Amino acid sequence: MCSGAVHSAGPKSVVMIRMFASLLVLLAASAAAPAYADPTPVGAEVEVQQLISTSQAVAAARRAYPRADVLNARLVRSGRPFYSVRMIENGRRFDVRVDAQTGRVLG
């Protein structure tokens, strides 16, 4: 027998539907996320170079700008690693880049 009445979902059913929908959205988002793999071919040897120390980078910057005072230095690992040495001379602040592998002042 069909009474023709429409039954509405109770509050518990609405909560369950929302939780299920949220779960589906999270599942779809994680499935669509790109997979990252190590670009190094299997069996390839990876060359590991030692980096110079912060004090060595500061010394190189001081040799390049002997009248300047060093404010701070930090290692930047984006792309080829370098030290950014912040210096000040006659009230002018500037950054000196020192190659973290060779110790060469880049500018």
Foldseek 3Di string as FASTA:
>chain_A
DDPPDDDDDDPVVVVVVVVVVVVVVVVVVVVPDDDDDDPDDPPDDDDDAAFDDPVLLVVLVCVVPVQKDWDDWDWDDDDQIWIWTWIDHPRDIDTWTARRRPRHTPD
